[in-house]
């Protein structure tokens, strides 16, 4: 089996995930994770073929059911999801645009260091400390220490 093939990579990720779930006894998390992954898969597949309405509805139901399952709010939550789905019907593209705009705003709040940023110079104080001369350092030195001059 070639590790460059997507099937081998997917199988490896699934096996590692099942191992982590078994080690930490997280079996209760598995149905919610499968529902969330299903919602993401439906969204990506439908968006790829140009069906924005079905993509957004699939993501809403998949991710919504996963969240409701985690919160143990399944029965009343399904009613809320159904209502949100009906209210969203016909305006899925607008809802999707607002969702991604909100996610973009949330993503910009975290400061990310630039890879090629220049280091900022140290702040200059009104009264700089007097420079230390080599003679002062030798007077402060006790014992057999090495002095590094920069």
C-alpha atoms as a PDB file:
ATOM      1  CA  UNK A   1       0.000   0.000   0.000  1.00  0.00           C
ATOM      2  CA  UNK A   2       1.418   3.391  -1.021  1.00  0.00           C
ATOM      3  CA  UNK A   3       1.240   6.075   1.675  1.00  0.00           C
ATOM      4  CA  UNK A   4       0.869   8.791  -0.943  1.00  0.00           C
ATOM      5  CA  UNK A   5      -2.567   7.500  -1.896  1.00  0.00           C
ATOM      6  CA  UNK A   6      -5.452   9.400  -0.264  1.00  0.00           C
ATOM      7  CA  UNK A   7      -7.129   6.136   0.788  1.00  0.00           C
ATOM      8  CA  UNK A   8      -4.083   4.990   2.754  1.00  0.00           C
ATOM      9  CA  UNK A   9      -3.760   8.398   4.404  1.00  0.00           C
ATOM     10  CA  UNK A  10      -7.441   8.411   5.356  1.00  0.00           C
ATOM     11  CA  UNK A  11      -7.245   4.880   6.748  1.00  0.00           C
ATOM     12  CA  UNK A  12      -4.208   5.831   8.821  1.00  0.00           C
ATOM     13  CA  UNK A  13      -5.929   8.911  10.250  1.00  0.00           C
ATOM     14  CA  UNK A  14      -9.026   6.864  11.115  1.00  0.00           C
ATOM     15  CA  UNK A  15      -6.953   4.195  12.871  1.00  0.00           C
ATOM     16  CA  UNK A  16      -5.024   6.796  14.888  1.00  0.00           C
ATOM     17  CA  UNK A  17      -8.265   8.541  15.828  1.00  0.00           C
ATOM     18  CA  UNK A  18      -9.843   5.275  16.973  1.00  0.00           C
ATOM     19  CA  UNK A  19      -6.725   4.533  18.996  1.00  0.00           C
ATOM     20  CA  UNK A  20      -6.915   7.905  20.763  1.00  0.00           C
ATOM     21  CA  UNK A  21     -10.635   7.401  21.400  1.00  0.00           C
ATOM     22  CA  UNK A  22      -9.952   3.961  22.906  1.00  0.00           C
ATOM     23  CA  UNK A  23      -7.045   5.162  25.053  1.00  0.00           C
ATOM     24  CA  UNK A  24      -8.937   8.104  26.555  1.00  0.00           C
ATOM     25  CA  UNK A  25     -12.350   6.353  26.581  1.00  0.00           C
ATOM     26  CA  UNK A  26     -14.004   8.997  24.409  1.00  0.00           C
ATOM     27  CA  UNK A  27     -16.558   6.713  22.767  1.00  0.00           C
ATOM     28  CA  UNK A  28     -19.366   9.120  23.670  1.00  0.00           C
ATOM     29  CA  UNK A  29     -17.763  11.692  21.355  1.00  0.00           C
ATOM     30  CA  UNK A  30     -17.836   9.473  18.274  1.00  0.00           C
ATOM     31  CA  UNK A  31     -21.486   9.983  17.141  1.00  0.00           C
ATOM     32  CA  UNK A  32     -21.194  13.770  17.404  1.00  0.00           C
ATOM     33  CA  UNK A  33     -17.910  13.750  15.485  1.00  0.00           C
ATOM     34  CA  UNK A  34     -19.445  11.584  12.736  1.00  0.00           C
ATOM     35  CA  UNK A  35     -22.434  13.924  12.434  1.00  0.00           C
ATOM     36  CA  UNK A  36     -20.179  16.975  12.242  1.00  0.00           C
ATOM     37  CA  UNK A  37     -17.958  15.332   9.621  1.00  0.00           C
ATOM     38  CA  UNK A  38     -21.060  14.357   7.663  1.00  0.00           C
ATOM     39  CA  UNK A  39     -22.252  17.963   7.693  1.00  0.00           C
ATOM     40  CA  UNK A  40     -18.881  19.189   6.445  1.00  0.00           C
ATOM     41  CA  UNK A  41     -18.729  16.514   3.722  1.00  0.00           C
ATOM     42  CA  UNK A  42     -22.250  17.358   2.507  1.00  0.00           C
ATOM     43  CA  UNK A  43     -21.398  21.082   2.510  1.00  0.00           C
ATOM     44  CA  UNK A  44     -18.219  20.602   0.495  1.00  0.00           C
ATOM     45  CA  UNK A  45     -19.755  18.179  -2.003  1.00  0.00           C
ATOM     46  CA  UNK A  46     -22.869  20.271  -2.659  1.00  0.00           C
ATOM     47  CA  UNK A  47     -20.874  23.499  -2.830  1.00  0.00           C
ATOM     48  CA  UNK A  48     -18.550  21.882  -5.363  1.00  0.00           C
ATOM     49  CA  UNK A  49     -21.441  21.120  -7.726  1.00  0.00           C
ATOM     50  CA  UNK A  50     -22.953  24.585  -7.231  1.00  0.00           C
ATOM     51  CA  UNK A  51     -25.864  23.692  -4.937  1.00  0.00           C
ATOM     52  CA  UNK A  52     -25.367  26.391  -2.278  1.00  0.00           C
ATOM     53  CA  UNK A  53     -28.813  25.923  -0.748  1.00  0.00           C
ATOM     54  CA  UNK A  54     -28.383  22.202  -0.183  1.00  0.00           C
ATOM     55  CA  UNK A  55     -24.805  22.756   1.011  1.00  0.00           C
ATOM     56  CA  UNK A  56     -25.829  25.218   3.715  1.00  0.00           C
ATOM     57  CA  UNK A  57     -28.809  23.093   4.789  1.00  0.00           C
ATOM     58  CA  UNK A  58     -26.592  19.988   5.025  1.00  0.00           C
ATOM     59  CA  UNK A  59     -24.007  21.846   7.107  1.00  0.00           C
ATOM     60  CA  UNK A  60     -26.732  23.263   9.355  1.00  0.00           C
ATOM     61  CA  UNK A  61     -28.226  19.844  10.064  1.00  0.00           C
ATOM     62  CA  UNK A  62     -24.950  17.939  10.381  1.00  0.00           C
ATOM     63  CA  UNK A  63     -23.167  20.441  12.604  1.00  0.00           C
ATOM     64  CA  UNK A  64     -26.357  21.362  14.459  1.00  0.00           C
ATOM     65  CA  UNK A  65     -27.195  17.764  15.351  1.00  0.00           C
ATOM     66  CA  UNK A  66     -23.604  17.178  16.465  1.00  0.00           C
ATOM     67  CA  UNK A  67     -23.750  20.201  18.755  1.00  0.00           C
ATOM     68  CA  UNK A  68     -27.145  19.209  20.131  1.00  0.00           C
ATOM     69  CA  UNK A  69     -25.906  15.690  20.809  1.00  0.00           C
ATOM     70  CA  UNK A  70     -22.906  17.038  22.706  1.00  0.00           C
ATOM     71  CA  UNK A  71     -25.089  19.393  24.738  1.00  0.00           C
ATOM     72  CA  UNK A  72     -27.664  16.643  25.443  1.00  0.00           C
ATOM     73  CA  UNK A  73     -30.366  18.940  24.079  1.00  0.00           C
ATOM     74  CA  UNK A  74     -31.466  16.706  21.218  1.00  0.00           C
ATOM     75  CA  UNK A  75     -35.294  16.624  21.288  1.00  0.00           C
ATOM     76  CA  UNK A  76     -36.020  20.361  21.738  1.00  0.00           C
ATOM     77  CA  UNK A  77     -32.962  21.180  19.662  1.00  0.00           C
ATOM     78  CA  UNK A  78     -34.311  19.332  16.635  1.00  0.00           C
ATOM     79  CA  UNK A  79     -37.362  21.581  16.775  1.00  0.00           C
ATOM     80  CA  UNK A  80     -35.094  24.645  16.883  1.00  0.00           C
ATOM     81  CA  UNK A  81     -33.017  23.312  13.995  1.00  0.00           C
ATOM     82  CA  UNK A  82     -36.137  22.626  11.953  1.00  0.00           C
ATOM     83  CA  UNK A  83     -37.393  26.152  12.556  1.00  0.00           C
ATOM     84  CA  UNK A  84     -34.029  27.674  11.642  1.00  0.00           C
ATOM     85  CA  UNK A  85     -33.903  25.524   8.522  1.00  0.00           C
ATOM     86  CA  UNK A  86     -37.361  26.683   7.413  1.00  0.00           C
ATOM     87  CA  UNK A  87     -36.564  30.344   8.100  1.00  0.00           C
ATOM     88  CA  UNK A  88     -33.316  30.038   6.173  1.00  0.00           C
ATOM     89  CA  UNK A  89     -34.930  28.379   3.142  1.00  0.00           C
ATOM     90  CA  UNK A  90     -34.331  30.492   0.029  1.00  0.00           C
ATOM     91  CA  UNK A  91     -31.722  32.716   1.706  1.00  0.00           C
ATOM     92  CA  UNK A  92     -28.932  30.179   2.111  1.00  0.00           C
ATOM     93  CA  UNK A  93     -26.411  32.187   0.048  1.00  0.00           C
ATOM     94  CA  UNK A  94     -26.944  35.250   2.245  1.00  0.00           C
ATOM     95  CA  UNK A  95     -26.623  33.169   5.419  1.00  0.00           C
ATOM     96  CA  UNK A  96     -23.441  31.583   4.102  1.00  0.00           C
ATOM     97  CA  UNK A  97     -21.948  34.977   3.238  1.00  0.00           C
ATOM     98  CA  UNK A  98     -22.743  36.303   6.722  1.00  0.00           C
ATOM     99  CA  UNK A  99     -21.294  33.190   8.342  1.00  0.00           C
ATOM    100  CA  UNK A 100     -17.987  33.460   6.485  1.00  0.00           C
ATOM    101  CA  UNK A 101     -17.815  37.223   7.147  1.00  0.00           C
ATOM    102  CA  UNK A 102     -18.270  36.548  10.864  1.00  0.00           C
ATOM    103  CA  UNK A 103     -15.647  33.805  10.796  1.00  0.00           C
ATOM    104  CA  UNK A 104     -13.276  36.199   9.027  1.00  0.00           C
ATOM    105  CA  UNK A 105     -13.785  38.844  11.696  1.00  0.00           C
ATOM    106  CA  UNK A 106     -13.195  36.286  14.436  1.00  0.00           C
ATOM    107  CA  UNK A 107     -10.035  35.095  12.713  1.00  0.00           C
ATOM    108  CA  UNK A 108      -8.609  38.616  12.466  1.00  0.00           C
ATOM    109  CA  UNK A 109      -8.914  39.243  16.192  1.00  0.00           C
ATOM    110  CA  UNK A 110      -6.063  36.877  16.938  1.00  0.00           C
ATOM    111  CA  UNK A 111      -2.725  38.581  16.348  1.00  0.00           C
ATOM    112  CA  UNK A 112      -0.530  36.466  14.157  1.00  0.00           C
ATOM    113  CA  UNK A 113       3.170  37.219  13.890  1.00  0.00           C
ATOM    114  CA  UNK A 114       4.328  37.959  10.383  1.00  0.00           C
ATOM    115  CA  UNK A 115       7.069  35.686   9.071  1.00  0.00           C
ATOM    116  CA  UNK A 116       9.135  38.452   7.504  1.00  0.00           C
ATOM    117  CA  UNK A 117       8.487  41.200  10.054  1.00  0.00           C
ATOM    118  CA  UNK A 118      11.365  43.399  11.068  1.00  0.00           C
ATOM    119  CA  UNK A 119      12.198  43.418  14.780  1.00  0.00           C
ATOM    120  CA  UNK A 120      10.953  46.514  16.531  1.00  0.00           C
ATOM    121  CA  UNK A 121      13.623  48.772  17.992  1.00  0.00           C
ATOM    122  CA  UNK A 122      13.714  49.019  21.772  1.00  0.00           C
ATOM    123  CA  UNK A 123      11.753  51.863  23.308  1.00  0.00           C
ATOM    124  CA  UNK A 124      13.819  54.947  24.077  1.00  0.00           C
ATOM    125  CA  UNK A 125      13.373  56.428  27.513  1.00  0.00           C
ATOM    126  CA  UNK A 126      13.586  60.124  28.364  1.00  0.00           C
ATOM    127  CA  UNK A 127      16.537  59.528  30.703  1.00  0.00           C
ATOM    128  CA  UNK A 128      18.720  56.749  29.333  1.00  0.00           C
ATOM    129  CA  UNK A 129      20.920  54.869  31.765  1.00  0.00           C
ATOM    130  CA  UNK A 130      24.560  55.924  31.676  1.00  0.00           C
ATOM    131  CA  UNK A 131      26.696  53.567  29.595  1.00  0.00           C
ATOM    132  CA  UNK A 132      28.676  51.038  31.579  1.00  0.00           C
ATOM    133  CA  UNK A 133      32.350  51.141  30.810  1.00  0.00           C
ATOM    134  CA  UNK A 134      34.740  48.222  30.888  1.00  0.00           C
ATOM    135  CA  UNK A 135      36.389  49.624  34.018  1.00  0.00           C
ATOM    136  CA  UNK A 136      33.080  49.602  35.915  1.00  0.00           C
ATOM    137  CA  UNK A 137      32.460  46.037  34.843  1.00  0.00           C
ATOM    138  CA  UNK A 138      35.920  44.987  36.038  1.00  0.00           C
ATOM    139  CA  UNK A 139      35.263  46.639  39.396  1.00  0.00           C
ATOM    140  CA  UNK A 140      31.982  44.762  39.728  1.00  0.00           C
ATOM    141  CA  UNK A 141      33.559  41.467  38.716  1.00  0.00           C
ATOM    142  CA  UNK A 142      34.434  39.100  41.500  1.00  0.00           C
ATOM    143  CA  UNK A 143      36.155  35.825  40.947  1.00  0.00           C
ATOM    144  CA  UNK A 144      37.163  34.261  37.666  1.00  0.00           C
ATOM    145  CA  UNK A 145      34.274  35.294  35.358  1.00  0.00           C
ATOM    146  CA  UNK A 146      34.339  35.815  31.633  1.00  0.00           C
ATOM    147  CA  UNK A 147      33.293  39.232  30.345  1.00  0.00           C
ATOM    148  CA  UNK A 148      31.686  39.372  26.939  1.00  0.00           C
ATOM    149  CA  UNK A 149      31.769  42.683  25.095  1.00  0.00           C
ATOM    150  CA  UNK A 150      29.024  43.109  22.544  1.00  0.00           C
END
